Amino acid sequence: MSQSPSPIETDSEPAAETPTPPGTAPQPSYVKLAMRNMVRKRGTSLFHFTLTAIALLGILIGLAFIDRYFHP
């Protein structure tokens, strides 16, 4: 009961992707646009990051004090 090896399939079908016209490039992804925007506006990005970090620490420390105050 020996079986003959299956024939190797070739790539005779075209690719599933639709080709883009030569004059247009695909739009960059949201992540690439966001990273490019962060690099361009360094000061604003750093300010917002610092503000977010301070606010998060303030909330966590505030919750810790409230928890300690109400649960002796």
Protein backbone atom coordinates (compact mmCIF):
# COMPACT_ATOMS: atom_id res chain seq x y z
CA MET A 1 0.00 0.00 0.00
CA SER A 2 2.39 2.63 -1.07
CA GLN A 3 1.11 5.99 -2.14
CA SER A 4 2.73 8.11 -4.75
CA PRO A 5 3.93 11.51 -3.54
CA SER A 6 1.44 14.28 -4.04
CA PRO A 7 2.23 16.73 -6.81
CA ILE A 8 3.76 20.02 -5.75
CA GLU A 9 1.36 22.89 -6.17
CA THR A 10 2.59 25.93 -8.05
CA ASP A 11 1.68 29.54 -7.52
CA SER A 12 -0.42 29.84 -10.64
CA GLU A 13 -3.06 31.97 -8.92
CA PRO A 14 -2.51 35.72 -8.56
CA ALA A 15 -1.91 37.20 -5.12
CA ALA A 16 -4.93 38.13 -3.03
CA GLU A 17 -3.72 41.70 -2.56
CA THR A 18 -4.87 44.30 -5.03
CA PRO A 19 -1.98 46.11 -6.66
CA THR A 20 -1.70 49.83 -5.99
CA PRO A 21 -1.34 52.21 -8.89
CA PRO A 22 2.28 53.27 -9.42
CA GLY A 23 1.64 56.95 -8.55
CA THR A 24 0.08 56.36 -5.14
CA ALA A 25 1.59 54.92 -1.99
CA PRO A 26 -0.45 53.18 0.71
CA GLN A 27 -1.49 55.41 3.57
CA PRO A 28 0.71 55.12 6.67
CA SER A 29 -0.82 53.40 9.65
CA TYR A 30 -2.21 55.26 12.67
CA VAL A 31 0.75 54.17 14.78
CA LYS A 32 3.25 55.59 12.30
CA LEU A 33 1.37 58.88 12.15
CA ALA A 34 1.20 59.09 15.95
CA MET A 35 4.93 58.37 16.33
CA ARG A 36 5.81 60.95 13.69
CA ASN A 37 3.60 63.51 15.44
CA MET A 38 5.27 62.76 18.79
CA VAL A 39 8.73 63.31 17.30
CA ARG A 40 7.68 66.60 15.74
CA LYS A 41 6.10 67.95 18.93
CA ARG A 42 8.54 66.76 21.58
CA GLY A 43 7.79 69.46 24.14
CA THR A 44 4.05 68.95 24.05
CA SER A 45 4.37 65.17 24.20
CA LEU A 46 6.76 65.29 27.16
CA PHE A 47 4.52 67.79 28.97
CA HIS A 48 1.45 65.60 28.51
CA PHE A 49 3.36 62.48 29.58
CA THR A 50 4.63 64.25 32.73
CA LEU A 51 1.17 65.59 33.52
CA THR A 52 -0.35 62.13 33.11
CA ALA A 53 2.32 60.51 35.30
CA ILE A 54 1.85 63.10 38.08
CA ALA A 55 -1.94 62.74 37.93
CA LEU A 56 -1.73 58.93 38.07
CA LEU A 57 0.66 59.04 41.03
CA GLY A 58 -1.57 61.56 42.77
CA ILE A 59 -4.64 59.36 42.31
CA LEU A 60 -2.81 56.25 43.57
CA ILE A 61 -1.36 58.05 46.61
CA GLY A 62 -4.74 59.66 47.32
CA LEU A 63 -6.47 56.28 47.19
CA ALA A 64 -3.82 54.82 49.51
CA PHE A 65 -4.42 57.58 52.07
CA ILE A 66 -8.20 57.21 51.82
CA ASP A 67 -7.93 53.45 52.25
CA ARG A 68 -5.68 53.83 55.29
CA TYR A 69 -7.94 56.50 56.80
CA PHE A 70 -11.19 54.51 56.47
CA HIS A 71 -9.70 51.07 57.27
CA PRO A 72 -7.66 51.43 60.48
